[in-house]
Amino acid sequence: MNDFLNYAEVRQLAKRRLPHGIFEYIDRGTEDENALRWNRHALDAVRIKPRVLTAGGVRNQAVSLFGQAYDTPMIVAPTAFAGLVRYQGEIELARAACANGMPFCAATEAITAIEEIAAASKGPIWLQLYLWEKEELTRDLIQRAWDSGVRTLVVTVDSGSVAANREYNTRNGFGMPFRFSARNVCDVALHPRWALSVFPAI
């Protein structure tokens, strides 16, 4: 899996490896995908100002967030169903984040339980939280996270009254509850390496 030099190349590897529905769940946006274009434009607009012949010095990207120091000002953002990309995907991401001195933010809809993720990594684990209609479910998840050592909560508030219109998920049958169709069953059958890596007991 080290057969890439940049984001575009690793994206193509993922596109070949993953079933179409799962790839588009991760890769695509909502509605007309304007936010994706604006984000890309904002990133492309960032300029790095080189400083040369300035007596060097030690570069340091460390940052303090919520009272804890990290080696880099980045986090591994919550991505639902990362465990469908790779077996124990959330655990692998948490371990990679720890190895690179950054926190891992577990998604509410992670395949792996927050207790397993926290136990598998020595690094800091955050929890992304949707506020459910049944308050006791939310409180239970927060308590489970706290008991597992999670001390940072990232509350998602942009999916309250109106659900995102993810047209690609609807077309691919990749929603909740998941619907089996001839299309997505065939899609999985055409990606046996993916299936064996995600469901190793098969």
Protein backbone atom coordinates (compact mmCIF):
# COMPACT_ATOMS: atom_id res chain seq x y z
CA MET A 1 0.00 0.00 0.00
CA ASN A 2 3.01 2.34 -0.29
CA ASP A 3 2.54 2.56 -4.03
CA PHE A 4 1.69 6.26 -4.08
CA LEU A 5 3.41 9.63 -3.92
CA ASN A 6 0.49 12.00 -3.38
CA TYR A 7 -3.18 12.31 -2.48
CA ALA A 8 -4.41 11.89 -6.06
CA GLU A 9 -2.59 8.56 -6.41
CA VAL A 10 -3.77 7.16 -3.06
CA ARG A 11 -7.33 8.22 -3.95
CA GLN A 12 -7.12 6.18 -7.16
CA LEU A 13 -5.83 3.17 -5.21
CA ALA A 14 -8.80 3.47 -2.84
CA LYS A 15 -11.20 3.81 -5.74
CA ARG A 16 -9.94 0.55 -7.26
CA ARG A 17 -9.91 -1.33 -3.96
CA LEU A 18 -13.23 -0.31 -2.40
CA PRO A 19 -16.74 -1.12 -3.51
CA HIS A 20 -18.24 1.83 -5.37
CA GLY A 21 -20.80 2.65 -2.67
CA ILE A 22 -18.24 2.79 0.14
CA PHE A 23 -15.79 4.83 -1.91
CA GLU A 24 -18.47 7.40 -2.76
CA TYR A 25 -19.66 7.51 0.85
CA ILE A 26 -16.19 8.77 1.79
CA ASP A 27 -15.26 10.70 -1.34
CA ARG A 28 -18.44 12.54 -2.30
CA GLY A 29 -20.40 15.39 -0.77
CA THR A 30 -24.00 16.51 -0.56
CA GLU A 31 -26.30 18.21 -3.05
CA ASP A 32 -24.20 19.87 -5.80
CA GLU A 33 -20.97 19.37 -3.80
CA ASN A 34 -20.25 23.11 -3.62
CA ALA A 35 -18.62 22.73 -0.20
CA LEU A 36 -16.09 20.25 -1.64
CA ARG A 37 -15.10 22.74 -4.33
CA TRP A 38 -14.87 25.63 -1.87
CA ASN A 39 -12.72 23.56 0.49
CA ARG A 40 -10.41 22.56 -2.35
CA HIS A 41 -10.16 26.20 -3.47
CA ALA A 42 -9.36 27.33 0.09
CA LEU A 43 -6.59 24.74 0.43
CA ASP A 44 -5.14 25.63 -2.98
CA ALA A 45 -5.12 29.31 -1.97
CA VAL A 46 -2.79 28.67 0.99
CA ARG A 47 0.72 29.87 0.28
CA ILE A 48 3.87 28.89 2.13
CA LYS A 49 6.38 31.69 2.53
CA PRO A 50 9.93 30.32 2.36
CA ARG A 51 12.54 31.70 4.73
CA VAL A 52 16.14 31.12 3.72
CA LEU A 53 19.47 32.32 5.11
CA THR A 54 17.88 33.14 8.46
CA ALA A 55 20.30 31.22 10.69
CA GLY A 56 18.15 28.14 10.70
CA GLY A 57 16.67 27.20 14.02
CA VAL A 58 14.63 24.23 15.13
CA ARG A 59 11.25 23.91 13.43
CA ASN A 60 8.42 23.08 15.75
CA GLN A 61 4.81 22.36 14.79
CA ALA A 62 3.70 21.51 18.33
CA VAL A 63 0.41 22.93 19.54
CA SER A 64 -1.58 22.90 22.75
CA LEU A 65 -5.25 21.93 22.47
CA PHE A 66 -7.57 21.74 25.47
CA GLY A 67 -4.62 21.71 27.82
CA GLN A 68 -2.70 18.93 26.11
CA ALA A 69 0.39 19.24 23.91
CA TYR A 70 0.52 17.60 20.47
CA ASP A 71 3.38 17.29 17.99
CA THR A 72 1.35 18.68 15.10
CA PRO A 73 -1.68 20.97 14.71
CA MET A 74 -3.79 18.25 13.05
CA ILE A 75 -6.21 15.55 14.14
CA VAL A 76 -7.53 12.44 12.47
CA ALA A 77 -11.09 13.56 11.83
CA PRO A 78 -14.10 11.35 12.54
CA THR A 79 -15.14 9.26 9.57
CA ALA A 80 -18.13 7.00 10.04
CA PHE A 81 -17.70 3.37 9.02
CA ALA A 82 -13.90 3.53 8.71
CA GLY A 83 -14.07 -0.12 9.72
CA LEU A 84 -15.62 -0.86 6.33
CA VAL A 85 -12.53 0.45 4.57
CA ARG A 86 -10.22 -1.94 6.40
CA TYR A 87 -10.64 -4.50 9.15
CA GLN A 88 -10.51 -2.64 12.48
CA GLY A 89 -10.02 0.56 10.51
CA GLU A 90 -10.72 2.85 13.47
CA ILE A 91 -8.13 1.07 15.59
CA GLU A 92 -5.55 1.29 12.81
CA LEU A 93 -6.25 5.02 12.43
CA ALA A 94 -6.00 5.61 16.18
CA ARG A 95 -2.64 3.83 16.31
CA ALA A 96 -1.35 5.78 13.29
CA ALA A 97 -2.47 9.05 14.90
CA CYS A 98 -0.65 8.14 18.11
CA ALA A 99 2.53 7.28 16.20
CA ASN A 100 2.45 10.74 14.61
CA GLY A 101 1.70 12.72 17.76
CA MET A 102 -1.87 13.70 16.97
CA PRO A 103 -5.26 12.88 18.46
CA PHE A 104 -7.76 10.54 16.88
CA CYS A 105 -11.42 11.54 16.89
CA ALA A 106 -13.71 8.51 16.87
CA ALA A 107 -17.00 8.88 15.02
CA THR A 108 -20.35 8.28 16.66
CA GLU A 109 -21.07 5.80 13.86
CA ALA A 110 -17.75 3.97 14.09
CA ILE A 111 -17.85 0.25 13.42
CA THR A 112 -15.63 -0.39 16.46
CA ALA A 113 -16.81 0.43 19.98
CA ILE A 114 -15.20 3.43 21.69
CA GLU A 115 -13.92 1.11 24.45
CA GLU A 116 -12.00 -1.01 21.93
CA ILE A 117 -10.53 2.00 20.17
CA ALA A 118 -9.35 3.59 23.43
CA ALA A 119 -7.89 0.31 24.71
CA ALA A 120 -5.97 -0.32 21.48
CA SER A 121 -4.13 3.01 21.32
CA LYS A 122 -1.86 4.81 23.78
CA GLY A 123 -2.66 8.12 22.14
CA PRO A 124 -5.41 10.59 23.00
CA ILE A 125 -8.87 9.59 21.78
CA TRP A 126 -11.59 12.18 21.21
CA LEU A 127 -15.25 11.39 20.55
CA GLN A 128 -17.43 13.03 17.92
CA LEU A 129 -21.01 13.10 19.11
CA TYR A 130 -24.39 13.45 17.45
CA LEU A 131 -27.12 14.50 19.87
CA TRP A 132 -29.76 11.82 19.55
CA GLU A 133 -33.45 12.31 20.21
CA LYS A 134 -33.25 9.77 23.03
CA GLU A 135 -31.16 11.64 25.57
CA GLU A 136 -30.39 8.52 27.59
CA LEU A 137 -28.54 7.02 24.60
CA THR A 138 -26.37 10.12 24.31
CA ARG A 139 -25.63 10.12 28.04
CA ASP A 140 -24.77 6.42 27.94
CA LEU A 141 -22.29 6.92 25.07
CA ILE A 142 -20.66 9.87 26.85
CA GLN A 143 -20.32 7.80 30.03
CA ARG A 144 -18.81 4.89 28.12
CA ALA A 145 -16.32 7.25 26.48
CA TRP A 146 -15.43 8.86 29.82
CA ASP A 147 -14.91 5.46 31.42
CA SER A 148 -12.57 4.62 28.52
CA GLY A 149 -10.40 7.68 29.16
CA VAL A 150 -11.87 10.01 26.53
CA ARG A 151 -11.68 13.61 27.74
CA THR A 152 -12.48 15.61 24.60
CA LEU A 153 -15.94 15.72 23.07
CA VAL A 154 -16.55 17.09 19.56
CA VAL A 155 -20.27 17.82 19.19
CA THR A 156 -21.67 17.78 15.64
CA VAL A 157 -24.54 20.26 15.33
CA ASP A 158 -25.02 20.61 11.56
CA SER A 159 -27.25 17.58 11.10
CA GLY A 160 -30.13 18.42 13.40
CA SER A 161 -33.44 19.35 11.86
CA VAL A 162 -32.56 18.71 8.20
CA ALA A 163 -30.64 15.62 7.14
CA ALA A 164 -27.91 16.00 4.54
CA ASN A 165 -29.05 15.11 1.03
CA ARG A 166 -26.32 12.67 0.08
CA GLU A 167 -27.59 11.72 -3.35
CA TYR A 168 -24.73 9.30 -4.01
CA ASN A 169 -25.56 7.29 -0.89
CA THR A 170 -29.19 7.07 -1.96
CA ARG A 171 -28.23 5.92 -5.45
CA ASN A 172 -25.81 3.33 -4.08
CA GLY A 173 -28.22 2.07 -1.41
CA PHE A 174 -25.65 3.07 1.22
CA GLY A 175 -27.83 4.53 3.91
CA MET A 176 -29.30 3.68 7.26
CA PRO A 177 -30.78 1.20 7.40
CA PHE A 178 -28.57 -0.42 4.79
CA ARG A 179 -30.51 -1.90 1.88
CA PHE A 180 -29.28 -4.90 -0.06
CA SER A 181 -29.77 -4.61 -3.79
CA ALA A 182 -28.51 -6.40 -6.87
CA ARG A 183 -26.25 -3.43 -7.51
CA ASN A 184 -24.46 -3.30 -4.17
CA VAL A 185 -24.27 -7.09 -3.78
CA CYS A 186 -22.61 -7.26 -7.22
CA ASP A 187 -20.33 -4.36 -6.24
CA VAL A 188 -19.07 -6.28 -3.19
CA ALA A 189 -18.67 -9.49 -5.23
CA LEU A 190 -16.41 -7.61 -7.66
CA HIS A 191 -14.09 -6.58 -4.80
CA PRO A 192 -13.09 -9.88 -3.12
CA ARG A 193 -9.77 -8.54 -1.79
CA TRP A 194 -11.66 -5.80 0.03
CA ALA A 195 -14.21 -8.27 1.41
CA LEU A 196 -11.52 -10.62 2.71
CA SER A 197 -9.60 -7.73 4.33
CA VAL A 198 -12.68 -6.33 6.08
CA PHE A 199 -14.27 -9.65 7.01
CA PRO A 200 -11.21 -11.88 7.62
CA ALA A 201 -13.27 -14.69 9.14
CA ILE A 202 -15.03 -15.34 5.79
